[in-house]
Amino acid sequence: MSAELGGRTGLQGKLSQWLRGRRPKEAADDGGREALLLAAAGAGLPLAPAAHPAPGYRCSCDRVGCPTPARHPVSFAWQTQSTTDRAQIERWARHQPQANFITATGMVHDVLDVPIEAGRAALRRLLDSDIEVGPVAESDDGRMLFFTLTRGTPEDEDEWWPCELDCHPETMDEHPGLRWHCRGSYVLVPPAQLPGESQTVHWVRGLEHPLPDPLSLLEVLTDACARYAGEEPDHVSASWPLRH
């Protein structure tokens, strides 16, 4: 997982590595994969098995022409199946050695999901401003994932963003390219394999960093998304699925 980046020492060097497309080294063997999954569960992220790539840019699921290959849970019951139980995750990892895993959002954590170039610019600005940033992952299909505390289920549901806004936000003009994964949604958790050669989802800032309040990141992320909106493809049609 990532090196400690909370301080100022070595910050610019680390950011330069990220902007050159490098990533912290993640163990490729099954033991390293299992350790990363258990670390995610230990940090409170509920996990469930997901599909994995199959030859020919296909998905391991039985669905013909799967629209989100290797990016969705294997079970329709993923919300109730998701767990942080160490023994269960070890069984899944060993019995399904090729499986990716998703983490269900809106229970313990949310994920702010932005275009990768906007995310890199935002991350640099956040760290330069000494704003607390939690775990961050990059997906080689062009997204950056900022893991935060969940907004939860406040007493006044009018103040809570439902998961449908991930794909069809009413405030798309104010939040271009941003997807806020909360209750009823999910994201792939590293380490995950995507269709294509060496395409992965990987940590650039690890789980040793505490989850921040999402509102502390929101202004910087939305500003960065607005700056890069002209380079972002159709973000409605490209949205990650809420359900499979």
C-alpha atoms as a PDB file:
ATOM      1  CA  MET A   1       0.000   0.000   0.000  1.00  0.00           C
ATOM      2  CA  SER A   2       1.050   3.623  -0.167  1.00  0.00           C
ATOM      3  CA  ALA A   3       3.797   5.240   1.782  1.00  0.00           C
ATOM      4  CA  GLU A   4       2.936   7.812   4.430  1.00  0.00           C
ATOM      5  CA  LEU A   5       2.104  11.031   2.583  1.00  0.00           C
ATOM      6  CA  GLY A   6       0.456  13.017   5.347  1.00  0.00           C
ATOM      7  CA  GLY A   7       3.469  15.250   5.942  1.00  0.00           C
ATOM      8  CA  ARG A   8       5.141  17.687   3.635  1.00  0.00           C
ATOM      9  CA  THR A   9       8.398  15.720   3.316  1.00  0.00           C
ATOM     10  CA  GLY A  10       8.657  14.009  -0.047  1.00  0.00           C
ATOM     11  CA  LEU A  11       5.179  15.131  -1.095  1.00  0.00           C
ATOM     12  CA  GLN A  12       6.117  16.628  -4.444  1.00  0.00           C
ATOM     13  CA  GLY A  13       8.196  13.582  -5.361  1.00  0.00           C
ATOM     14  CA  LYS A  14       5.299  11.245  -4.659  1.00  0.00           C
ATOM     15  CA  LEU A  15       2.889  13.379  -6.666  1.00  0.00           C
ATOM     16  CA  SER A  16       5.317  13.504  -9.566  1.00  0.00           C
ATOM     17  CA  GLN A  17       5.395   9.699  -9.604  1.00  0.00           C
ATOM     18  CA  TRP A  18       1.594   9.540  -9.716  1.00  0.00           C
ATOM     19  CA  LEU A  19       1.400  12.071 -12.538  1.00  0.00           C
ATOM     20  CA  ARG A  20       3.860   9.963 -14.539  1.00  0.00           C
ATOM     21  CA  GLY A  21       1.389   7.102 -14.202  1.00  0.00           C
ATOM     22  CA  ARG A  22       3.257   5.102 -11.585  1.00  0.00           C
ATOM     23  CA  ARG A  23       1.666   3.486  -8.571  1.00  0.00           C
ATOM     24  CA  PRO A  24       2.719   2.084  -5.192  1.00  0.00           C
ATOM     25  CA  LYS A  25       3.815  -1.535  -5.485  1.00  0.00           C
ATOM     26  CA  GLU A  26       1.042  -4.006  -4.729  1.00  0.00           C
ATOM     27  CA  ALA A  27       1.830  -7.672  -4.251  1.00  0.00           C
ATOM     28  CA  ALA A  28       0.660  -9.693  -7.222  1.00  0.00           C
ATOM     29  CA  ASP A  29       0.504 -13.099  -5.572  1.00  0.00           C
ATOM     30  CA  ASP A  30      -2.574 -14.517  -3.879  1.00  0.00           C
ATOM     31  CA  GLY A  31      -1.153 -13.821  -0.410  1.00  0.00           C
ATOM     32  CA  GLY A  32      -0.665 -10.154  -1.210  1.00  0.00           C
ATOM     33  CA  ARG A  33      -4.138  -9.896  -2.700  1.00  0.00           C
ATOM     34  CA  GLU A  34      -5.703 -11.503   0.343  1.00  0.00           C
ATOM     35  CA  ALA A  35      -3.735  -9.233   2.679  1.00  0.00           C
ATOM     36  CA  LEU A  36      -4.998  -6.124   0.869  1.00  0.00           C
ATOM     37  CA  LEU A  37      -8.590  -7.362   1.021  1.00  0.00           C
ATOM     38  CA  LEU A  38      -8.286  -8.126   4.728  1.00  0.00           C
ATOM     39  CA  ALA A  39      -6.780  -4.682   5.295  1.00  0.00           C
ATOM     40  CA  ALA A  40      -9.803  -3.137   3.585  1.00  0.00           C
ATOM     41  CA  ALA A  41     -12.167  -5.160   5.762  1.00  0.00           C
ATOM     42  CA  GLY A  42     -10.116  -4.268   8.835  1.00  0.00           C
ATOM     43  CA  ALA A  43     -10.599  -0.598   7.974  1.00  0.00           C
ATOM     44  CA  GLY A  44     -14.371  -1.190   8.043  1.00  0.00           C
ATOM     45  CA  LEU A  45     -15.078  -1.532   4.313  1.00  0.00           C
ATOM     46  CA  PRO A  46     -17.739  -4.232   3.773  1.00  0.00           C
ATOM     47  CA  LEU A  47     -16.740  -6.509   0.874  1.00  0.00           C
ATOM     48  CA  ALA A  48     -18.479  -8.929  -1.486  1.00  0.00           C
ATOM     49  CA  PRO A  49     -17.185 -10.949  -4.456  1.00  0.00           C
ATOM     50  CA  ALA A  50     -17.362  -9.433  -7.921  1.00  0.00           C
ATOM     51  CA  ALA A  51     -16.895 -10.625 -11.481  1.00  0.00           C
ATOM     52  CA  HIS A  52     -13.475 -10.736 -13.115  1.00  0.00           C
ATOM     53  CA  PRO A  53     -12.155 -10.351 -16.679  1.00  0.00           C
ATOM     54  CA  ALA A  54     -12.477 -13.241 -19.114  1.00  0.00           C
ATOM     55  CA  PRO A  55     -10.563 -13.689 -22.396  1.00  0.00           C
ATOM     56  CA  GLY A  56     -11.546 -11.365 -25.211  1.00  0.00           C
ATOM     57  CA  TYR A  57     -12.407  -8.365 -23.030  1.00  0.00           C
ATOM     58  CA  ARG A  58     -15.375 -10.311 -21.702  1.00  0.00           C
ATOM     59  CA  CYS A  59     -16.810 -10.770 -18.223  1.00  0.00           C
ATOM     60  CA  SER A  60     -16.779 -13.911 -16.093  1.00  0.00           C
ATOM     61  CA  CYS A  61     -20.560 -13.642 -15.591  1.00  0.00           C
ATOM     62  CA  ASP A  62     -23.044 -15.493 -17.790  1.00  0.00           C
ATOM     63  CA  ARG A  63     -24.625 -12.346 -19.181  1.00  0.00           C
ATOM     64  CA  VAL A  64     -24.187 -12.035 -22.950  1.00  0.00           C
ATOM     65  CA  GLY A  65     -22.715  -8.640 -23.797  1.00  0.00           C
ATOM     66  CA  CYS A  66     -22.252  -7.640 -20.143  1.00  0.00           C
ATOM     67  CA  PRO A  67     -22.162  -3.804 -20.179  1.00  0.00           C
ATOM     68  CA  THR A  68     -19.839  -3.561 -17.153  1.00  0.00           C
ATOM     69  CA  PRO A  69     -17.432  -6.489 -17.454  1.00  0.00           C
ATOM     70  CA  ALA A  70     -15.514  -7.308 -14.259  1.00  0.00           C
ATOM     71  CA  ARG A  71     -17.030  -4.289 -12.485  1.00  0.00           C
ATOM     72  CA  HIS A  72     -20.141  -5.709 -10.802  1.00  0.00           C
ATOM     73  CA  PRO A  73     -20.997  -8.060  -7.903  1.00  0.00           C
ATOM     74  CA  VAL A  74     -21.615 -11.716  -8.666  1.00  0.00           C
ATOM     75  CA  SER A  75     -24.722 -11.859  -6.474  1.00  0.00           C
ATOM     76  CA  PHE A  76     -27.894  -9.776  -6.588  1.00  0.00           C
ATOM     77  CA  ALA A  77     -27.785  -9.995  -2.775  1.00  0.00           C
ATOM     78  CA  TRP A  78     -24.484  -8.088  -2.591  1.00  0.00           C
ATOM     79  CA  GLN A  79     -25.851  -5.486  -0.162  1.00  0.00           C
ATOM     80  CA  THR A  80     -26.745  -8.057   2.484  1.00  0.00           C
ATOM     81  CA  GLN A  81     -23.804 -10.293   1.562  1.00  0.00           C
ATOM     82  CA  SER A  82     -21.193  -7.533   2.058  1.00  0.00           C
ATOM     83  CA  THR A  83     -19.168  -8.121   5.200  1.00  0.00           C
ATOM     84  CA  THR A  84     -16.017  -7.257   7.106  1.00  0.00           C
ATOM     85  CA  ASP A  85     -15.798 -10.761   8.606  1.00  0.00           C
ATOM     86  CA  ARG A  86     -12.211 -11.911   8.214  1.00  0.00           C
ATOM     87  CA  ALA A  87     -12.978 -15.641   7.982  1.00  0.00           C
ATOM     88  CA  GLN A  88     -15.614 -15.138   5.288  1.00  0.00           C
ATOM     89  CA  ILE A  89     -13.343 -12.913   3.195  1.00  0.00           C
ATOM     90  CA  GLU A  90     -10.511 -15.441   3.480  1.00  0.00           C
ATOM     91  CA  ARG A  91     -12.866 -18.191   2.245  1.00  0.00           C
ATOM     92  CA  TRP A  92     -14.010 -16.074  -0.713  1.00  0.00           C
ATOM     93  CA  ALA A  93     -10.467 -15.084  -1.641  1.00  0.00           C
ATOM     94  CA  ARG A  94      -9.198 -18.674  -1.547  1.00  0.00           C
ATOM     95  CA  HIS A  95     -12.170 -20.319  -3.241  1.00  0.00           C
ATOM     96  CA  GLN A  96     -12.516 -17.596  -5.904  1.00  0.00           C
ATOM     97  CA  PRO A  97      -8.885 -16.711  -6.648  1.00  0.00           C
ATOM     98  CA  GLN A  98      -9.682 -14.695  -9.781  1.00  0.00           C
ATOM     99  CA  ALA A  99     -12.593 -12.730  -8.332  1.00  0.00           C
ATOM    100  CA  ASN A 100     -12.565  -8.995  -7.937  1.00  0.00           C
ATOM    101  CA  PHE A 101     -14.301  -7.539  -4.874  1.00  0.00           C
ATOM    102  CA  ILE A 102     -16.674  -4.637  -4.455  1.00  0.00           C
ATOM    103  CA  THR A 103     -17.196  -2.589  -1.339  1.00  0.00           C
ATOM    104  CA  ALA A 104     -20.732  -1.520  -0.522  1.00  0.00           C
ATOM    105  CA  THR A 105     -20.943   2.198   0.158  1.00  0.00           C
ATOM    106  CA  GLY A 106     -23.274   4.083   2.473  1.00  0.00           C
ATOM    107  CA  MET A 107     -22.748   1.818   5.482  1.00  0.00           C
ATOM    108  CA  VAL A 108     -19.388   2.966   6.837  1.00  0.00           C
ATOM    109  CA  HIS A 109     -17.947   4.908   3.937  1.00  0.00           C
ATOM    110  CA  ASP A 110     -18.884   6.813   0.808  1.00  0.00           C
ATOM    111  CA  VAL A 111     -16.764   7.232  -2.319  1.00  0.00           C
ATOM    112  CA  LEU A 112     -16.347  10.422  -4.332  1.00  0.00           C
ATOM    113  CA  ASP A 113     -15.583   9.194  -7.848  1.00  0.00           C
ATOM    114  CA  VAL A 114     -14.071  11.704 -10.305  1.00  0.00           C
ATOM    115  CA  PRO A 115     -12.235  11.746 -13.669  1.00  0.00           C
ATOM    116  CA  ILE A 116      -8.639  10.759 -13.074  1.00  0.00           C
ATOM    117  CA  GLU A 117      -7.000  13.977 -14.293  1.00  0.00           C
ATOM    118  CA  ALA A 118      -9.365  16.073 -12.183  1.00  0.00           C
ATOM    119  CA  GLY A 119      -8.703  13.776  -9.235  1.00  0.00           C
ATOM    120  CA  ARG A 120      -4.939  14.092  -9.530  1.00  0.00           C
ATOM    121  CA  ALA A 121      -5.168  17.881  -9.659  1.00  0.00           C
ATOM    122  CA  ALA A 122      -7.543  17.890  -6.683  1.00  0.00           C
ATOM    123  CA  LEU A 123      -5.321  15.564  -4.674  1.00  0.00           C
ATOM    124  CA  ARG A 124      -2.324  17.837  -5.189  1.00  0.00           C
ATOM    125  CA  ARG A 125      -4.351  20.874  -4.118  1.00  0.00           C
ATOM    126  CA  LEU A 126      -5.792  19.106  -1.063  1.00  0.00           C
ATOM    127  CA  LEU A 127      -2.383  17.958   0.156  1.00  0.00           C
ATOM    128  CA  ASP A 128      -0.807  21.349  -0.553  1.00  0.00           C
ATOM    129  CA  SER A 129      -3.564  22.902   1.579  1.00  0.00           C
ATOM    130  CA  ASP A 130      -2.969  20.429   4.440  1.00  0.00           C
ATOM    131  CA  ILE A 131      -6.532  19.139   4.144  1.00  0.00           C
ATOM    132  CA  GLU A 132      -6.969  15.635   5.556  1.00  0.00           C
ATOM    133  CA  VAL A 133      -7.353  13.123   2.718  1.00  0.00           C
ATOM    134  CA  GLY A 134      -8.220   9.491   3.299  1.00  0.00           C
ATOM    135  CA  PRO A 135      -7.547   6.448   1.120  1.00  0.00           C
ATOM    136  CA  VAL A 136      -7.501   7.112  -2.632  1.00  0.00           C
ATOM    137  CA  ALA A 137      -7.606   4.577  -5.464  1.00  0.00           C
ATOM    138  CA  GLU A 138      -7.077   4.914  -9.200  1.00  0.00           C
ATOM    139  CA  SER A 139      -8.869   2.880 -11.840  1.00  0.00           C
ATOM    140  CA  ASP A 140      -7.079   2.430 -15.166  1.00  0.00           C
ATOM    141  CA  ASP A 141     -10.362   3.086 -16.967  1.00  0.00           C
ATOM    142  CA  GLY A 142      -9.934   6.750 -16.057  1.00  0.00           C
ATOM    143  CA  ARG A 143     -11.412   7.320 -12.607  1.00  0.00           C
ATOM    144  CA  MET A 144     -10.034   8.303  -9.196  1.00  0.00           C
ATOM    145  CA  LEU A 145     -11.855   7.208  -6.038  1.00  0.00           C
ATOM    146  CA  PHE A 146     -11.715   9.225  -2.806  1.00  0.00           C
ATOM    147  CA  PHE A 147     -12.860   7.126   0.163  1.00  0.00           C
ATOM    148  CA  THR A 148     -14.618   9.121   2.904  1.00  0.00           C
ATOM    149  CA  LEU A 149     -16.862   8.661   5.893  1.00  0.00           C
ATOM    150  CA  THR A 150     -20.472   8.102   4.949  1.00  0.00           C
ATOM    151  CA  ARG A 151     -23.046  10.823   5.215  1.00  0.00           C
ATOM    152  CA  GLY A 152     -25.116   8.095   6.827  1.00  0.00           C
ATOM    153  CA  THR A 153     -28.890   8.215   7.075  1.00  0.00           C
ATOM    154  CA  PRO A 154     -29.720  11.498   8.777  1.00  0.00           C
ATOM    155  CA  GLU A 155     -33.068  11.968  10.459  1.00  0.00           C
ATOM    156  CA  ASP A 156     -34.016  14.438   7.762  1.00  0.00           C
ATOM    157  CA  GLU A 157     -33.798  12.342   4.589  1.00  0.00           C
ATOM    158  CA  ASP A 158     -34.166  15.525   2.501  1.00  0.00           C
ATOM    159  CA  GLU A 159     -30.565  16.331   3.419  1.00  0.00           C
ATOM    160  CA  TRP A 160     -29.265  13.002   2.138  1.00  0.00           C
ATOM    161  CA  TRP A 161     -28.179  12.319  -1.463  1.00  0.00           C
ATOM    162  CA  PRO A 162     -29.769   9.081  -2.719  1.00  0.00           C
ATOM    163  CA  CYS A 163     -27.647   6.791  -4.860  1.00  0.00           C
ATOM    164  CA  GLU A 164     -29.622   7.605  -8.031  1.00  0.00           C
ATOM    165  CA  LEU A 165     -27.713  10.892  -8.156  1.00  0.00           C
ATOM    166  CA  ASP A 166     -24.575   8.915  -8.998  1.00  0.00           C
ATOM    167  CA  CYS A 167     -25.901   8.513 -12.535  1.00  0.00           C
ATOM    168  CA  HIS A 168     -28.414  11.326 -12.919  1.00  0.00           C
ATOM    169  CA  PRO A 169     -27.521  14.185 -10.559  1.00  0.00           C
ATOM    170  CA  GLU A 170     -29.990  17.036 -10.610  1.00  0.00           C
ATOM    171  CA  THR A 171     -27.004  19.271  -9.903  1.00  0.00           C
ATOM    172  CA  MET A 172     -24.888  17.989 -12.814  1.00  0.00           C
ATOM    173  CA  ASP A 173     -24.016  21.563 -13.830  1.00  0.00           C
ATOM    174  CA  GLU A 174     -22.569  22.258 -10.374  1.00  0.00           C
ATOM    175  CA  HIS A 175     -20.924  18.818 -10.068  1.00  0.00           C
ATOM    176  CA  PRO A 176     -19.682  17.888 -13.571  1.00  0.00           C
ATOM    177  CA  GLY A 177     -18.120  14.463 -13.703  1.00  0.00           C
ATOM    178  CA  LEU A 178     -18.582  13.744  -9.983  1.00  0.00           C
ATOM    179  CA  ARG A 179     -20.306  10.569  -8.791  1.00  0.00           C
ATOM    180  CA  TRP A 180     -21.075  10.301  -5.096  1.00  0.00           C
ATOM    181  CA  HIS A 181     -21.441   6.641  -4.180  1.00  0.00           C
ATOM    182  CA  CYS A 182     -23.514   6.311  -1.004  1.00  0.00           C
ATOM    183  CA  ARG A 183     -26.266   3.988   0.184  1.00  0.00           C
ATOM    184  CA  GLY A 184     -27.267   1.428  -2.443  1.00  0.00           C
ATOM    185  CA  SER A 185     -24.094   1.821  -4.505  1.00  0.00           C
ATOM    186  CA  TYR A 186     -20.660   0.200  -4.664  1.00  0.00           C
ATOM    187  CA  VAL A 187     -17.190   0.487  -6.178  1.00  0.00           C
ATOM    188  CA  LEU A 188     -14.439  -1.992  -6.929  1.00  0.00           C
ATOM    189  CA  VAL A 189     -11.933  -2.206  -4.100  1.00  0.00           C
ATOM    190  CA  PRO A 190      -8.222  -2.714  -4.843  1.00  0.00           C
ATOM    191  CA  PRO A 191      -6.660  -4.908  -5.929  1.00  0.00           C
ATOM    192  CA  ALA A 192      -8.965  -5.486  -8.908  1.00  0.00           C
ATOM    193  CA  GLN A 193      -8.350  -6.485 -12.512  1.00  0.00           C
ATOM    194  CA  LEU A 194     -10.141  -4.816 -15.428  1.00  0.00           C
ATOM    195  CA  PRO A 195     -10.505  -6.090 -19.006  1.00  0.00           C
ATOM    196  CA  GLY A 196      -7.436  -5.262 -21.049  1.00  0.00           C
ATOM    197  CA  GLU A 197      -3.734  -5.781 -20.575  1.00  0.00           C
ATOM    198  CA  SER A 198      -2.508  -4.712 -17.113  1.00  0.00           C
ATOM    199  CA  GLN A 199      -5.642  -2.688 -16.398  1.00  0.00           C
ATOM    200  CA  THR A 200      -6.265  -2.513 -12.644  1.00  0.00           C
ATOM    201  CA  VAL A 201      -7.837  -0.661  -9.751  1.00  0.00           C
ATOM    202  CA  HIS A 202      -5.055   0.112  -7.265  1.00  0.00           C
ATOM    203  CA  TRP A 203      -4.344   2.199  -4.181  1.00  0.00           C
ATOM    204  CA  VAL A 204      -2.340   5.396  -4.555  1.00  0.00           C
ATOM    205  CA  ARG A 205      -2.987   6.379  -0.942  1.00  0.00           C
ATOM    206  CA  GLY A 206      -3.563   3.542   1.448  1.00  0.00           C
ATOM    207  CA  LEU A 207      -5.968   2.477   4.148  1.00  0.00           C
ATOM    208  CA  GLU A 208      -3.671   3.656   6.934  1.00  0.00           C
ATOM    209  CA  HIS A 209      -5.179   7.112   6.343  1.00  0.00           C
ATOM    210  CA  PRO A 210      -8.402   7.795   8.316  1.00  0.00           C
ATOM    211  CA  LEU A 211     -11.616   8.383   6.387  1.00  0.00           C
ATOM    212  CA  PRO A 212     -12.378  12.134   6.190  1.00  0.00           C
ATOM    213  CA  ASP A 213     -15.727  13.909   6.086  1.00  0.00           C
ATOM    214  CA  PRO A 214     -16.758  14.030   2.393  1.00  0.00           C
ATOM    215  CA  LEU A 215     -17.774  17.674   2.680  1.00  0.00           C
ATOM    216  CA  SER A 216     -14.176  18.630   3.466  1.00  0.00           C
ATOM    217  CA  LEU A 217     -13.157  17.400  -0.017  1.00  0.00           C
ATOM    218  CA  LEU A 218     -16.226  18.326  -2.020  1.00  0.00           C
ATOM    219  CA  GLU A 219     -15.408  21.929  -2.962  1.00  0.00           C
ATOM    220  CA  VAL A 220     -11.930  21.087  -4.247  1.00  0.00           C
ATOM    221  CA  LEU A 221     -13.160  18.022  -6.145  1.00  0.00           C
ATOM    222  CA  THR A 222     -16.055  19.809  -7.814  1.00  0.00           C
ATOM    223  CA  ASP A 223     -13.806  22.708  -8.775  1.00  0.00           C
ATOM    224  CA  ALA A 224     -11.283  20.306 -10.326  1.00  0.00           C
ATOM    225  CA  CYS A 225     -14.073  18.477 -12.180  1.00  0.00           C
ATOM    226  CA  ALA A 226     -15.350  21.753 -13.588  1.00  0.00           C
ATOM    227  CA  ARG A 227     -11.871  22.611 -14.872  1.00  0.00           C
ATOM    228  CA  TYR A 228     -11.569  19.256 -16.617  1.00  0.00           C
ATOM    229  CA  ALA A 229     -15.184  18.970 -17.766  1.00  0.00           C
ATOM    230  CA  GLY A 230     -14.256  19.722 -21.349  1.00  0.00           C
ATOM    231  CA  GLU A 231     -11.995  16.650 -21.425  1.00  0.00           C
ATOM    232  CA  GLU A 232     -14.493  14.284 -19.785  1.00  0.00           C
ATOM    233  CA  PRO A 233     -16.527  11.966 -22.047  1.00  0.00           C
ATOM    234  CA  ASP A 234     -20.274  11.667 -21.592  1.00  0.00           C
ATOM    235  CA  HIS A 235     -20.330  11.099 -17.841  1.00  0.00           C
ATOM    236  CA  VAL A 236     -23.963   9.995 -17.732  1.00  0.00           C
ATOM    237  CA  SER A 237     -23.531   7.066 -20.115  1.00  0.00           C
ATOM    238  CA  ALA A 238     -20.135   6.245 -18.593  1.00  0.00           C
ATOM    239  CA  SER A 239     -21.395   6.117 -15.005  1.00  0.00           C
ATOM    240  CA  TRP A 240     -20.505   3.112 -12.884  1.00  0.00           C
ATOM    241  CA  PRO A 241     -23.499   0.851 -12.342  1.00  0.00           C
ATOM    242  CA  LEU A 242     -25.609   1.125  -9.247  1.00  0.00           C
ATOM    243  CA  ARG A 243     -27.034  -2.346  -9.654  1.00  0.00           C
ATOM    244  CA  HIS A 244     -26.397  -5.251 -12.037  1.00  0.00           C
END
